[in-house]
Amino acid sequence: MTEIRVDVRRELIDWAFEITDLPPESQHKALQDTKWLQENFTHYLQPTVKQLGTFATRLHIPFGDLLLDKPPKLEDIRLAFRTQENAPAQVSLTVRDVIYEMQRKQAWFKENSQIATHRLAFIGSAAGSDANETLKAVNRYLVLAHFSSPRDLFKDLRNQLAEIGILVMQKGGAGLGTNRPLEVSELRAFVLLDDYAPLIFINQKDSYTARIFSLIHEFIHILHGMDELLSGNDRDIDEERHINKVTAAFLMPTPEFKVHFDRNNVDRTARFFGVSPQAVAIRAQSLD
């Protein structure tokens, strides 16, 4: 039986290696293992369809993109990301695939669940508000309770958000397997704004204390009606600081914080409120 081969442009192969999220050593091995990428091979740049599919899967590249005449232009992702250092995220293929998966889930929920049938009034309800007014808005929709573990607190807050119509999704990587982990340093959380089915994504690899903070942080983004890409300008930095301040104030209410704060045992205070010791220290400083 005659093998059916396809012609692939070298610039598309170079593009695939340029944008793949495989580590350098894995890229090198993929190059070595792929016979049709060796110039001395009889069918150089002429793989079978199966061989090309295997290569695309290995590099996490869409199969169809390798059959184009020229490399595709990646879609501009405009989302509000939370990274470990609270700075704009570098959007890798892994992050993109997670975003696209969440967009598909959000679209299915909106169109097929028969639950997202009316516009949610709280979206954008705190746009332009100062910290105090934003905090009041958060408290209108969420009730803070104390639990024995951050995991239970996270579960309670997630359930409260679900009850008012917000999808909260968690994953630790792209796809179905575990070979494409989503590192916390790259992405902690993001929000997909929608008037009927807003979605908050949380990196499942993060700690529960961090997930709690991210959950409230992203909810405030929804109250502000914002989901644009953080460009790193002063306005965005100020907005993130504003949201972090409100998040800390909600999770560590001033009266209770003054009662339970122990400067000699910050860890104990952190455990009581279900937050990180760093968050406690910052909150203590903000309250003098």
Protein backbone atom coordinates (compact mmCIF):
# COMPACT_ATOMS: atom_id res chain seq x y z
CA MET A 1 0.00 0.00 0.00
CA THR A 2 1.38 3.39 -1.00
CA GLU A 3 2.10 5.79 1.85
CA ILE A 4 0.38 9.15 1.61
CA ARG A 5 2.79 11.93 2.54
CA VAL A 6 2.26 15.66 2.92
CA ASP A 7 4.66 18.52 2.26
CA VAL A 8 5.47 20.70 5.28
CA ARG A 9 7.22 24.06 5.09
CA ARG A 10 10.41 24.41 7.10
CA GLU A 11 9.32 27.79 8.47
CA LEU A 12 6.29 26.11 10.07
CA ILE A 13 8.56 23.59 11.79
CA ASP A 14 10.77 26.41 13.06
CA TRP A 15 7.65 28.24 14.26
CA ALA A 16 6.42 25.13 16.08
CA PHE A 17 9.69 24.79 17.98
CA GLU A 18 9.67 28.51 18.71
CA ILE A 19 6.25 28.59 20.39
CA THR A 20 6.09 25.11 21.96
CA ASP A 21 6.07 24.93 25.75
CA LEU A 22 8.30 21.85 25.79
CA PRO A 23 11.52 22.34 27.76
CA PRO A 24 14.72 22.64 25.65
CA GLU A 25 15.88 19.08 26.35
CA SER A 26 12.52 17.66 25.22
CA GLN A 27 12.62 19.81 22.08
CA HIS A 28 16.09 18.50 21.27
CA LYS A 29 14.92 14.91 21.70
CA ALA A 30 11.86 15.51 19.54
CA LEU A 31 14.09 16.88 16.80
CA GLN A 32 16.44 13.92 17.02
CA ASP A 33 13.64 11.33 17.07
CA THR A 34 11.82 12.75 14.05
CA LYS A 35 13.39 11.19 10.97
CA TRP A 36 11.56 13.34 8.46
CA LEU A 37 13.19 16.43 9.98
CA GLN A 38 16.68 15.14 9.12
CA GLU A 39 17.99 16.69 5.88
CA ASN A 40 19.64 13.44 4.80
CA PHE A 41 16.36 11.49 5.11
CA THR A 42 14.71 10.41 1.85
CA HIS A 43 11.40 12.03 2.78
CA TYR A 44 12.74 15.21 4.37
CA LEU A 45 9.79 17.50 5.33
CA GLN A 46 7.42 14.91 3.85
CA PRO A 47 5.86 13.05 6.78
CA THR A 48 2.89 10.76 6.62
CA VAL A 49 -0.31 12.14 8.10
CA LYS A 50 0.17 9.91 11.15
CA GLN A 51 3.77 11.07 11.61
CA LEU A 52 2.75 14.72 11.39
CA GLY A 53 -0.05 14.14 13.87
CA THR A 54 2.35 12.51 16.32
CA PHE A 55 4.75 15.44 15.95
CA ALA A 56 1.97 18.01 16.50
CA THR A 57 0.75 16.21 19.62
CA ARG A 58 4.28 15.96 20.98
CA LEU A 59 4.88 19.71 20.60
CA HIS A 60 1.31 20.65 21.67
CA ILE A 61 0.70 22.35 18.32
CA PRO A 62 -2.65 22.21 16.45
CA PHE A 63 -2.26 19.68 13.62
CA GLY A 64 -3.87 21.92 11.02
CA ASP A 65 -1.47 24.78 11.70
CA LEU A 66 1.41 22.69 10.33
CA LEU A 67 -0.32 22.39 6.94
CA LEU A 68 -0.60 26.15 6.38
CA ASP A 69 1.45 28.17 3.91
CA LYS A 70 2.82 30.38 6.66
CA PRO A 71 2.78 30.42 10.48
CA PRO A 72 -0.54 31.58 11.95
CA LYS A 73 -0.72 34.71 14.05
CA LEU A 74 -1.58 33.78 17.61
CA GLU A 75 -4.78 35.32 18.91
CA ASP A 76 -4.29 38.18 21.34
CA ILE A 77 -5.40 37.01 24.77
CA ARG A 78 -7.03 39.82 26.75
CA LEU A 79 -7.60 38.60 30.27
CA ALA A 80 -6.81 39.67 33.79
CA PHE A 81 -4.22 37.18 35.01
CA ARG A 82 -2.92 36.55 38.50
CA THR A 83 0.64 35.25 38.58
CA GLN A 84 2.82 34.39 41.53
CA GLU A 85 4.42 37.81 41.50
CA ASN A 86 1.16 39.58 40.60
CA ALA A 87 2.54 40.71 37.26
CA PRO A 88 1.27 40.21 33.68
CA ALA A 89 1.56 36.58 32.66
CA GLN A 90 3.60 35.33 29.72
CA VAL A 91 0.96 33.48 27.74
CA SER A 92 2.35 30.04 26.89
CA LEU A 93 0.61 27.35 24.84
CA THR A 94 -0.36 25.60 28.06
CA VAL A 95 -2.06 28.75 29.39
CA ARG A 96 -3.75 29.33 26.03
CA ASP A 97 -5.12 25.80 25.91
CA VAL A 98 -6.50 26.14 29.44
CA ILE A 99 -8.14 29.45 28.49
CA TYR A 100 -9.70 27.98 25.34
CA GLU A 101 -10.99 25.00 27.33
CA MET A 102 -12.58 27.32 29.89
CA GLN A 103 -14.13 29.41 27.09
CA ARG A 104 -15.70 26.24 25.67
CA LYS A 105 -17.07 25.23 29.08
CA GLN A 106 -18.42 28.74 29.64
CA ALA A 107 -20.09 28.76 26.21
CA TRP A 108 -21.67 25.34 26.81
CA PHE A 109 -22.99 26.42 30.22
CA LYS A 110 -24.42 29.63 28.80
CA GLU A 111 -26.09 28.00 25.80
CA ASN A 112 -27.09 24.56 27.07
CA SER A 113 -27.40 24.49 30.85
CA GLN A 114 -30.75 26.35 30.91
CA ILE A 115 -29.49 27.98 34.11
CA ALA A 116 -27.80 31.11 32.74
CA THR A 117 -31.04 32.68 31.58
CA HIS A 118 -30.79 36.21 32.97
CA ARG A 119 -28.19 38.93 33.23
CA LEU A 120 -26.46 38.99 36.61
CA ALA A 121 -26.98 42.41 38.16
CA PHE A 122 -23.82 42.38 40.28
CA ILE A 123 -21.47 42.34 37.27
CA GLY A 124 -19.85 45.76 37.08
CA SER A 125 -21.90 46.96 40.05
CA ALA A 126 -18.78 48.25 41.82
CA ALA A 127 -17.10 49.79 38.78
CA GLY A 128 -15.25 52.95 39.78
CA SER A 129 -15.89 52.40 43.49
CA ASP A 130 -13.28 53.11 46.14
CA ALA A 131 -11.97 50.40 48.47
CA ASN A 132 -14.67 50.89 51.11
CA GLU A 133 -17.54 50.77 48.63
CA THR A 134 -16.03 47.76 46.86
CA LEU A 135 -15.72 45.95 50.19
CA LYS A 136 -19.38 46.67 50.93
CA ALA A 137 -20.26 45.17 47.54
CA VAL A 138 -18.30 41.99 48.32
CA ASN A 139 -20.01 41.67 51.69
CA ARG A 140 -23.43 42.00 50.07
CA TYR A 141 -22.88 38.74 48.20
CA LEU A 142 -20.51 36.71 50.39
CA VAL A 143 -20.58 35.75 54.05
CA LEU A 144 -17.21 35.06 55.66
CA ALA A 145 -17.17 32.19 58.15
CA HIS A 146 -14.28 30.53 59.95
CA PHE A 147 -13.37 26.91 59.33
CA SER A 148 -10.76 24.55 60.71
CA SER A 149 -8.92 24.42 57.40
CA PRO A 150 -8.33 26.66 54.36
CA ARG A 151 -9.73 23.86 52.22
CA ASP A 152 -13.13 24.09 53.93
CA LEU A 153 -13.13 27.88 53.69
CA PHE A 154 -12.33 27.72 49.98
CA LYS A 155 -15.12 25.20 49.42
CA ASP A 156 -17.63 27.39 51.28
CA LEU A 157 -16.74 30.55 49.34
CA ARG A 158 -16.75 28.65 46.04
CA ASN A 159 -20.23 27.31 46.80
CA GLN A 160 -21.48 30.80 47.65
CA LEU A 161 -20.20 32.11 44.32
CA ALA A 162 -21.85 29.20 42.51
CA GLU A 163 -25.16 30.04 44.16
CA ILE A 164 -25.13 33.56 42.70
CA GLY A 165 -24.31 32.27 39.20
CA ILE A 166 -20.51 32.23 38.91
CA LEU A 167 -18.73 29.21 37.46
CA VAL A 168 -15.59 28.33 39.43
CA MET A 169 -13.33 25.91 37.58
CA GLN A 170 -10.10 24.30 38.79
CA LYS A 171 -7.38 22.48 36.88
CA GLY A 172 -3.67 21.91 37.33
CA GLY A 173 -2.71 21.64 33.68
CA ALA A 174 -3.83 21.55 30.06
CA GLY A 175 -5.58 18.60 28.46
CA LEU A 176 -6.58 15.34 30.12
CA GLY A 177 -3.20 14.03 31.23
CA THR A 178 -0.56 15.31 33.62
CA ASN A 179 2.23 15.96 31.13
CA ARG A 180 1.32 19.64 30.67
CA PRO A 181 1.27 21.11 34.18
CA LEU A 182 0.21 24.70 34.74
CA GLU A 183 2.88 26.23 36.95
CA VAL A 184 1.77 28.59 39.70
CA SER A 185 4.56 30.99 38.76
CA GLU A 186 2.97 31.30 35.32
CA LEU A 187 -0.69 31.56 36.28
CA ARG A 188 -2.70 31.45 39.47
CA ALA A 189 -6.13 32.53 38.29
CA PHE A 190 -8.10 34.44 35.69
CA VAL A 191 -11.66 35.53 35.05
CA LEU A 192 -13.78 35.24 31.90
CA LEU A 193 -16.36 37.99 32.15
CA ASP A 194 -19.85 37.39 30.83
CA ASP A 195 -23.14 39.03 31.76
CA TYR A 196 -24.86 35.65 32.09
CA ALA A 197 -22.13 33.13 32.94
CA PRO A 198 -18.97 34.68 34.42
CA LEU A 199 -16.21 32.14 35.02
CA ILE A 200 -13.36 32.15 37.52
CA PHE A 201 -10.46 29.79 36.88
CA ILE A 202 -8.18 28.72 39.74
CA ASN A 203 -4.89 26.84 39.33
CA GLN A 204 -5.42 23.61 41.27
CA LYS A 205 -1.69 23.32 41.94
CA ASP A 206 -1.78 26.40 44.16
CA SER A 207 -2.14 26.22 47.95
CA TYR A 208 -5.62 26.53 49.43
CA THR A 209 -4.74 29.82 51.12
CA ALA A 210 -3.66 31.20 47.75
CA ARG A 211 -6.78 29.82 46.06
CA ILE A 212 -8.95 31.60 48.61
CA PHE A 213 -7.22 34.91 47.94
CA SER A 214 -7.41 34.39 44.15
CA LEU A 215 -11.11 33.50 44.37
CA ILE A 216 -12.03 36.75 46.09
CA HIS A 217 -9.60 38.75 43.95
CA GLU A 218 -11.25 37.51 40.76
CA PHE A 219 -14.74 38.05 42.16
CA ILE A 220 -13.82 41.70 42.70
CA HIS A 221 -12.72 41.86 39.06
CA ILE A 222 -16.24 40.73 38.18
CA LEU A 223 -17.77 43.38 40.45
CA HIS A 224 -15.59 45.93 38.67
CA GLY A 225 -16.65 44.55 35.29
CA MET A 226 -13.05 43.97 34.20
CA ASP A 227 -11.31 41.12 32.38
CA GLU A 228 -8.75 42.87 30.15
CA LEU A 229 -5.11 41.88 29.83
CA LEU A 230 -2.83 43.45 32.39
CA SER A 231 -0.50 45.54 30.28
CA GLY A 232 1.75 46.54 33.15
CA ASN A 233 0.99 50.25 33.05
CA ASP A 234 0.49 52.31 36.19
CA ARG A 235 -3.31 52.17 36.00
CA ASP A 236 -3.30 48.36 35.94
CA ILE A 237 -0.81 48.14 38.79
CA ASP A 238 -2.90 50.53 40.86
CA GLU A 239 -6.03 48.51 40.10
CA GLU A 240 -4.38 45.27 41.22
CA ARG A 241 -3.20 46.88 44.44
CA HIS A 242 -6.69 48.22 45.03
CA ILE A 243 -8.22 44.76 44.53
CA ASN A 244 -5.62 43.09 46.74
CA LYS A 245 -6.36 45.61 49.49
CA VAL A 246 -10.09 44.90 49.33
CA THR A 247 -9.49 41.14 49.21
CA ALA A 248 -7.36 41.30 52.36
CA ALA A 249 -9.93 43.51 54.10
CA PHE A 250 -12.71 41.01 53.34
CA LEU A 251 -10.75 37.94 54.45
CA MET A 252 -9.34 39.70 57.54
CA PRO A 253 -12.03 42.12 58.78
CA THR A 254 -10.56 44.94 60.84
CA PRO A 255 -12.34 44.27 64.18
CA GLU A 256 -11.54 40.55 64.17
CA PHE A 257 -8.03 41.12 62.91
CA LYS A 258 -7.22 43.46 65.79
CA VAL A 259 -8.45 40.83 68.24
CA HIS A 260 -6.66 37.83 66.74
CA PHE A 261 -3.45 39.34 65.39
CA ASP A 262 -0.40 38.04 67.27
CA ARG A 263 2.81 39.76 66.20
CA ASN A 264 4.75 36.98 67.95
CA ASN A 265 2.95 34.23 66.07
CA VAL A 266 1.93 35.39 62.58
CA ASP A 267 1.43 31.77 61.49
CA ARG A 268 -1.30 31.29 64.09
CA THR A 269 -3.09 34.41 62.85
CA ALA A 270 -2.76 33.19 59.27
CA ARG A 271 -4.31 29.82 60.17
CA PHE A 272 -7.25 31.51 61.89
CA PHE A 273 -8.12 33.59 58.82
CA GLY A 274 -7.18 30.96 56.21
CA VAL A 275 -4.60 33.17 54.51
CA SER A 276 -0.83 33.21 54.08
CA PRO A 277 1.54 34.68 56.70
CA GLN A 278 2.60 37.23 54.09
CA ALA A 279 -1.01 38.39 53.69
CA VAL A 280 -1.27 38.76 57.47
CA ALA A 281 1.91 40.84 57.60
CA ILE A 282 0.73 43.14 54.82
CA ARG A 283 -2.69 43.54 56.45
CA ALA A 284 -1.08 44.34 59.82
CA GLN A 285 1.10 46.97 58.22
CA SER A 286 -1.87 48.55 56.43
CA LEU A 287 -3.66 48.85 59.80
CA ASP A 288 -0.54 50.23 61.52
